[in-house]
Amino acid sequence: MDINDTWIWLCKSRDLLERGAAIAFDVAYAGRWMRAFAIRFEGQACAYLNECTHVPMEMDWQPNQFWDHQKRWLLCATHGAAYQPNTGQCVMGPCKRGLKKIDLKDDGENVFWRTQYNLNPAEF
Protein backbone atom coordinates (compact mmCIF):
# COMPACT_ATOMS: atom_id res chain seq x y z
CA MET A 1 0.00 0.00 0.00
CA ASP A 2 1.23 3.47 -0.90
CA ILE A 3 1.54 5.64 2.25
CA ASN A 4 -0.10 8.49 0.31
CA ASP A 5 -3.28 6.38 0.14
CA THR A 6 -3.62 6.11 3.92
CA TRP A 7 -6.75 7.86 5.15
CA ILE A 8 -7.06 8.85 8.82
CA TRP A 9 -10.35 9.50 10.59
CA LEU A 10 -10.84 13.17 11.50
CA CYS A 11 -14.42 13.59 12.74
CA LYS A 12 -18.06 12.72 12.23
CA SER A 13 -19.47 14.50 9.18
CA ARG A 14 -22.15 16.15 11.32
CA ASP A 15 -19.44 17.75 13.51
CA LEU A 16 -17.97 19.76 10.63
CA LEU A 17 -20.58 22.51 10.51
CA GLU A 18 -21.26 24.75 7.51
CA ARG A 19 -19.10 27.88 7.99
CA GLY A 20 -18.65 26.91 11.65
CA ALA A 21 -15.60 26.48 13.83
CA ALA A 22 -12.77 24.57 12.21
CA ILE A 23 -11.58 21.19 13.40
CA ALA A 24 -7.82 21.23 14.02
CA PHE A 25 -5.39 18.35 13.49
CA ASP A 26 -1.65 17.82 13.03
CA VAL A 27 0.19 16.77 9.87
CA ALA A 28 3.81 16.03 9.01
CA TYR A 29 5.07 18.67 6.60
CA ALA A 30 8.60 19.53 5.46
CA GLY A 31 10.15 17.48 8.25
CA ARG A 32 8.09 18.95 11.09
CA TRP A 33 4.65 18.71 12.64
CA MET A 34 2.23 21.49 11.78
CA ARG A 35 -1.35 22.35 12.62
CA ALA A 36 -3.96 21.96 9.93
CA PHE A 37 -7.67 22.74 9.98
CA ALA A 38 -10.83 21.48 8.31
CA ILE A 39 -13.91 23.56 7.52
CA ARG A 40 -17.15 23.05 5.62
CA PHE A 41 -18.06 25.54 2.88
CA GLU A 42 -21.09 25.19 0.62
CA GLY A 43 -21.44 21.59 1.76
CA GLN A 44 -17.85 20.66 0.89
CA ALA A 45 -15.31 19.59 3.51
CA CYS A 46 -11.98 21.40 2.95
CA ALA A 47 -8.69 21.39 4.87
CA TYR A 48 -5.49 23.43 4.81
CA LEU A 49 -2.24 23.88 6.69
CA ASN A 50 -2.78 26.52 9.38
CA GLU A 51 -0.12 28.84 8.03
CA CYS A 52 -0.50 32.23 6.39
CA THR A 53 1.39 32.52 3.13
CA HIS A 54 2.43 36.12 3.88
CA VAL A 55 4.49 35.30 6.98
CA PRO A 56 4.55 31.69 8.20
CA MET A 57 2.41 31.83 11.32
CA GLU A 58 -0.89 30.31 12.37
CA MET A 59 -3.93 32.19 11.09
CA ASP A 60 -6.80 31.67 13.55
CA TRP A 61 -7.84 34.69 15.61
CA GLN A 62 -9.22 32.41 18.33
CA PRO A 63 -8.71 28.64 18.48
CA ASN A 64 -10.37 27.14 15.38
CA GLN A 65 -11.84 30.47 14.23
CA PHE A 66 -10.86 31.52 10.69
CA TRP A 67 -13.98 33.12 9.17
CA ASP A 68 -14.46 36.83 8.52
CA HIS A 69 -17.56 38.46 10.05
CA GLN A 70 -19.71 37.58 7.03
CA LYS A 71 -18.32 34.02 6.92
CA ARG A 72 -17.29 34.52 3.32
CA TRP A 73 -13.47 34.29 3.54
CA LEU A 74 -10.84 32.55 5.68
CA LEU A 75 -8.72 35.27 7.28
CA CYS A 76 -5.26 35.55 8.74
CA ALA A 77 -5.84 37.25 12.08
CA THR A 78 -2.40 38.89 12.04
CA HIS A 79 -2.15 40.23 8.49
CA GLY A 80 -5.74 40.33 7.26
CA ALA A 81 -4.97 38.17 4.24
CA ALA A 82 -8.18 36.59 2.89
CA TYR A 83 -8.46 33.18 1.26
CA GLN A 84 -11.21 31.49 -0.74
CA PRO A 85 -12.64 28.75 1.53
CA ASN A 86 -13.11 26.06 -1.12
CA THR A 87 -9.77 26.50 -2.93
CA GLY A 88 -7.45 28.25 -0.46
CA GLN A 89 -6.55 30.82 -3.12
CA CYS A 90 -5.57 34.30 -1.94
CA VAL A 91 -8.28 36.84 -2.76
CA MET A 92 -6.96 39.97 -1.00
CA GLY A 93 -4.36 41.21 1.42
CA PRO A 94 -0.67 40.46 1.86
CA CYS A 95 -0.64 36.82 0.79
CA LYS A 96 1.97 35.43 -1.57
CA ARG A 97 0.08 32.34 -2.77
CA GLY A 98 -2.76 30.04 -1.82
CA LEU A 99 -3.04 27.94 1.30
CA LYS A 100 -1.64 24.41 1.15
CA LYS A 101 -4.59 22.05 0.72
CA ILE A 102 -4.92 18.80 2.68
CA ASP A 103 -6.87 16.01 0.97
CA LEU A 104 -10.16 15.17 2.68
CA LYS A 105 -12.97 12.78 1.94
CA ASP A 106 -16.42 12.90 3.47
CA ASP A 107 -18.54 9.77 3.08
CA GLY A 108 -21.58 11.40 4.69
CA GLU A 109 -20.92 9.70 8.01
CA ASN A 110 -17.23 10.47 8.67
CA VAL A 111 -14.52 12.80 7.42
CA PHE A 112 -11.02 11.45 6.74
CA TRP A 113 -7.75 13.17 5.84
CA ARG A 114 -5.04 11.67 3.69
CA THR A 115 -1.55 11.36 5.10
CA GLN A 116 0.58 14.21 3.85
CA TYR A 117 4.05 12.72 3.72
CA ASN A 118 4.13 13.71 0.06
CA LEU A 119 3.71 17.44 0.71
CA ASN A 120 6.51 19.34 -0.93
CA PRO A 121 7.09 23.04 -0.16
CA ALA A 122 8.45 23.49 -3.69
CA GLU A 123 4.93 22.82 -5.04
CA PHE A 124 4.03 26.41 -4.43
C-alpha atoms as a PDB file:
ATOM      1  CA  MET A   1       0.000   0.000   0.000  1.00  0.00           C
ATOM      2  CA  ASP A   2       1.226   3.474  -0.902  1.00  0.00           C
ATOM      3  CA  ILE A   3       1.539   5.636   2.246  1.00  0.00           C
ATOM      4  CA  ASN A   4      -0.104   8.489   0.310  1.00  0.00           C
ATOM      5  CA  ASP A   5      -3.278   6.382   0.141  1.00  0.00           C
ATOM      6  CA  THR A   6      -3.619   6.107   3.918  1.00  0.00           C
ATOM      7  CA  TRP A   7      -6.750   7.864   5.150  1.00  0.00           C
ATOM      8  CA  ILE A   8      -7.064   8.849   8.817  1.00  0.00           C
ATOM      9  CA  TRP A   9     -10.347   9.497  10.594  1.00  0.00           C
ATOM     10  CA  LEU A  10     -10.842  13.165  11.502  1.00  0.00           C
ATOM     11  CA  CYS A  11     -14.420  13.585  12.741  1.00  0.00           C
ATOM     12  CA  LYS A  12     -18.059  12.721  12.230  1.00  0.00           C
ATOM     13  CA  SER A  13     -19.469  14.499   9.176  1.00  0.00           C
ATOM     14  CA  ARG A  14     -22.151  16.149  11.319  1.00  0.00           C
ATOM     15  CA  ASP A  15     -19.442  17.747  13.515  1.00  0.00           C
ATOM     16  CA  LEU A  16     -17.973  19.762  10.630  1.00  0.00           C
ATOM     17  CA  LEU A  17     -20.584  22.512  10.512  1.00  0.00           C
ATOM     18  CA  GLU A  18     -21.255  24.748   7.513  1.00  0.00           C
ATOM     19  CA  ARG A  19     -19.096  27.884   7.991  1.00  0.00           C
ATOM     20  CA  GLY A  20     -18.654  26.905  11.646  1.00  0.00           C
ATOM     21  CA  ALA A  21     -15.604  26.479  13.832  1.00  0.00           C
ATOM     22  CA  ALA A  22     -12.767  24.570  12.213  1.00  0.00           C
ATOM     23  CA  ILE A  23     -11.576  21.190  13.397  1.00  0.00           C
ATOM     24  CA  ALA A  24      -7.822  21.225  14.016  1.00  0.00           C
ATOM     25  CA  PHE A  25      -5.389  18.348  13.494  1.00  0.00           C
ATOM     26  CA  ASP A  26      -1.648  17.820  13.034  1.00  0.00           C
ATOM     27  CA  VAL A  27       0.192  16.773   9.869  1.00  0.00           C
ATOM     28  CA  ALA A  28       3.809  16.026   9.014  1.00  0.00           C
ATOM     29  CA  TYR A  29       5.071  18.668   6.601  1.00  0.00           C
ATOM     30  CA  ALA A  30       8.595  19.528   5.462  1.00  0.00           C
ATOM     31  CA  GLY A  31      10.145  17.482   8.254  1.00  0.00           C
ATOM     32  CA  ARG A  32       8.090  18.952  11.090  1.00  0.00           C
ATOM     33  CA  TRP A  33       4.652  18.711  12.643  1.00  0.00           C
ATOM     34  CA  MET A  34       2.232  21.494  11.775  1.00  0.00           C
ATOM     35  CA  ARG A  35      -1.354  22.348  12.617  1.00  0.00           C
ATOM     36  CA  ALA A  36      -3.962  21.965   9.931  1.00  0.00           C
ATOM     37  CA  PHE A  37      -7.675  22.736   9.978  1.00  0.00           C
ATOM     38  CA  ALA A  38     -10.826  21.483   8.312  1.00  0.00           C
ATOM     39  CA  ILE A  39     -13.911  23.562   7.516  1.00  0.00           C
ATOM     40  CA  ARG A  40     -17.148  23.053   5.622  1.00  0.00           C
ATOM     41  CA  PHE A  41     -18.060  25.539   2.883  1.00  0.00           C
ATOM     42  CA  GLU A  42     -21.092  25.194   0.617  1.00  0.00           C
ATOM     43  CA  GLY A  43     -21.437  21.590   1.760  1.00  0.00           C
ATOM     44  CA  GLN A  44     -17.848  20.663   0.890  1.00  0.00           C
ATOM     45  CA  ALA A  45     -15.307  19.588   3.512  1.00  0.00           C
ATOM     46  CA  CYS A  46     -11.976  21.395   2.946  1.00  0.00           C
ATOM     47  CA  ALA A  47      -8.690  21.388   4.871  1.00  0.00           C
ATOM     48  CA  TYR A  48      -5.487  23.427   4.810  1.00  0.00           C
ATOM     49  CA  LEU A  49      -2.238  23.884   6.694  1.00  0.00           C
ATOM     50  CA  ASN A  50      -2.777  26.524   9.375  1.00  0.00           C
ATOM     51  CA  GLU A  51      -0.116  28.843   8.028  1.00  0.00           C
ATOM     52  CA  CYS A  52      -0.503  32.230   6.388  1.00  0.00           C
ATOM     53  CA  THR A  53       1.392  32.524   3.128  1.00  0.00           C
ATOM     54  CA  HIS A  54       2.434  36.118   3.877  1.00  0.00           C
ATOM     55  CA  VAL A  55       4.485  35.304   6.980  1.00  0.00           C
ATOM     56  CA  PRO A  56       4.548  31.692   8.198  1.00  0.00           C
ATOM     57  CA  MET A  57       2.408  31.832  11.320  1.00  0.00           C
ATOM     58  CA  GLU A  58      -0.893  30.315  12.374  1.00  0.00           C
ATOM     59  CA  MET A  59      -3.929  32.191  11.085  1.00  0.00           C
ATOM     60  CA  ASP A  60      -6.805  31.666  13.547  1.00  0.00           C
ATOM     61  CA  TRP A  61      -7.841  34.694  15.608  1.00  0.00           C
ATOM     62  CA  GLN A  62      -9.224  32.407  18.330  1.00  0.00           C
ATOM     63  CA  PRO A  63      -8.712  28.643  18.476  1.00  0.00           C
ATOM     64  CA  ASN A  64     -10.365  27.135  15.377  1.00  0.00           C
ATOM     65  CA  GLN A  65     -11.843  30.473  14.226  1.00  0.00           C
ATOM     66  CA  PHE A  66     -10.861  31.517  10.691  1.00  0.00           C
ATOM     67  CA  TRP A  67     -13.975  33.117   9.171  1.00  0.00           C
ATOM     68  CA  ASP A  68     -14.460  36.825   8.522  1.00  0.00           C
ATOM     69  CA  HIS A  69     -17.559  38.455  10.054  1.00  0.00           C
ATOM     70  CA  GLN A  70     -19.709  37.581   7.031  1.00  0.00           C
ATOM     71  CA  LYS A  71     -18.316  34.023   6.919  1.00  0.00           C
ATOM     72  CA  ARG A  72     -17.286  34.515   3.319  1.00  0.00           C
ATOM     73  CA  TRP A  73     -13.469  34.292   3.544  1.00  0.00           C
ATOM     74  CA  LEU A  74     -10.838  32.555   5.676  1.00  0.00           C
ATOM     75  CA  LEU A  75      -8.718  35.272   7.283  1.00  0.00           C
ATOM     76  CA  CYS A  76      -5.260  35.550   8.740  1.00  0.00           C
ATOM     77  CA  ALA A  77      -5.836  37.254  12.082  1.00  0.00           C
ATOM     78  CA  THR A  78      -2.404  38.890  12.037  1.00  0.00           C
ATOM     79  CA  HIS A  79      -2.155  40.226   8.488  1.00  0.00           C
ATOM     80  CA  GLY A  80      -5.741  40.328   7.262  1.00  0.00           C
ATOM     81  CA  ALA A  81      -4.974  38.167   4.236  1.00  0.00           C
ATOM     82  CA  ALA A  82      -8.176  36.586   2.895  1.00  0.00           C
ATOM     83  CA  TYR A  83      -8.457  33.181   1.261  1.00  0.00           C
ATOM     84  CA  GLN A  84     -11.213  31.491  -0.742  1.00  0.00           C
ATOM     85  CA  PRO A  85     -12.643  28.749   1.530  1.00  0.00           C
ATOM     86  CA  ASN A  86     -13.108  26.061  -1.125  1.00  0.00           C
ATOM     87  CA  THR A  87      -9.769  26.504  -2.932  1.00  0.00           C
ATOM     88  CA  GLY A  88      -7.455  28.250  -0.457  1.00  0.00           C
ATOM     89  CA  GLN A  89      -6.547  30.818  -3.116  1.00  0.00           C
ATOM     90  CA  CYS A  90      -5.571  34.296  -1.942  1.00  0.00           C
ATOM     91  CA  VAL A  91      -8.284  36.837  -2.757  1.00  0.00           C
ATOM     92  CA  MET A  92      -6.958  39.967  -1.001  1.00  0.00           C
ATOM     93  CA  GLY A  93      -4.360  41.207   1.415  1.00  0.00           C
ATOM     94  CA  PRO A  94      -0.669  40.461   1.864  1.00  0.00           C
ATOM     95  CA  CYS A  95      -0.638  36.823   0.788  1.00  0.00           C
ATOM     96  CA  LYS A  96       1.971  35.426  -1.573  1.00  0.00           C
ATOM     97  CA  ARG A  97       0.077  32.341  -2.770  1.00  0.00           C
ATOM     98  CA  GLY A  98      -2.763  30.039  -1.819  1.00  0.00           C
ATOM     99  CA  LEU A  99      -3.038  27.940   1.304  1.00  0.00           C
ATOM    100  CA  LYS A 100      -1.639  24.412   1.149  1.00  0.00           C
ATOM    101  CA  LYS A 101      -4.590  22.048   0.718  1.00  0.00           C
ATOM    102  CA  ILE A 102      -4.920  18.800   2.676  1.00  0.00           C
ATOM    103  CA  ASP A 103      -6.872  16.007   0.971  1.00  0.00           C
ATOM    104  CA  LEU A 104     -10.162  15.167   2.682  1.00  0.00           C
ATOM    105  CA  LYS A 105     -12.972  12.782   1.940  1.00  0.00           C
ATOM    106  CA  ASP A 106     -16.419  12.903   3.473  1.00  0.00           C
ATOM    107  CA  ASP A 107     -18.540   9.771   3.077  1.00  0.00           C
ATOM    108  CA  GLY A 108     -21.580  11.396   4.687  1.00  0.00           C
ATOM    109  CA  GLU A 109     -20.917   9.695   8.009  1.00  0.00           C
ATOM    110  CA  ASN A 110     -17.233  10.465   8.669  1.00  0.00           C
ATOM    111  CA  VAL A 111     -14.515  12.801   7.415  1.00  0.00           C
ATOM    112  CA  PHE A 112     -11.018  11.446   6.744  1.00  0.00           C
ATOM    113  CA  TRP A 113      -7.754  13.171   5.844  1.00  0.00           C
ATOM    114  CA  ARG A 114      -5.035  11.670   3.690  1.00  0.00           C
ATOM    115  CA  THR A 115      -1.547  11.357   5.099  1.00  0.00           C
ATOM    116  CA  GLN A 116       0.576  14.209   3.850  1.00  0.00           C
ATOM    117  CA  TYR A 117       4.051  12.715   3.718  1.00  0.00           C
ATOM    118  CA  ASN A 118       4.134  13.710   0.065  1.00  0.00           C
ATOM    119  CA  LEU A 119       3.714  17.441   0.713  1.00  0.00           C
ATOM    120  CA  ASN A 120       6.510  19.341  -0.931  1.00  0.00           C
ATOM    121  CA  PRO A 121       7.092  23.039  -0.160  1.00  0.00           C
ATOM    122  CA  ALA A 122       8.452  23.490  -3.693  1.00  0.00           C
ATOM    123  CA  GLU A 123       4.931  22.821  -5.039  1.00  0.00           C
ATOM    124  CA  PHE A 124       4.030  26.411  -4.428  1.00  0.00           C
END
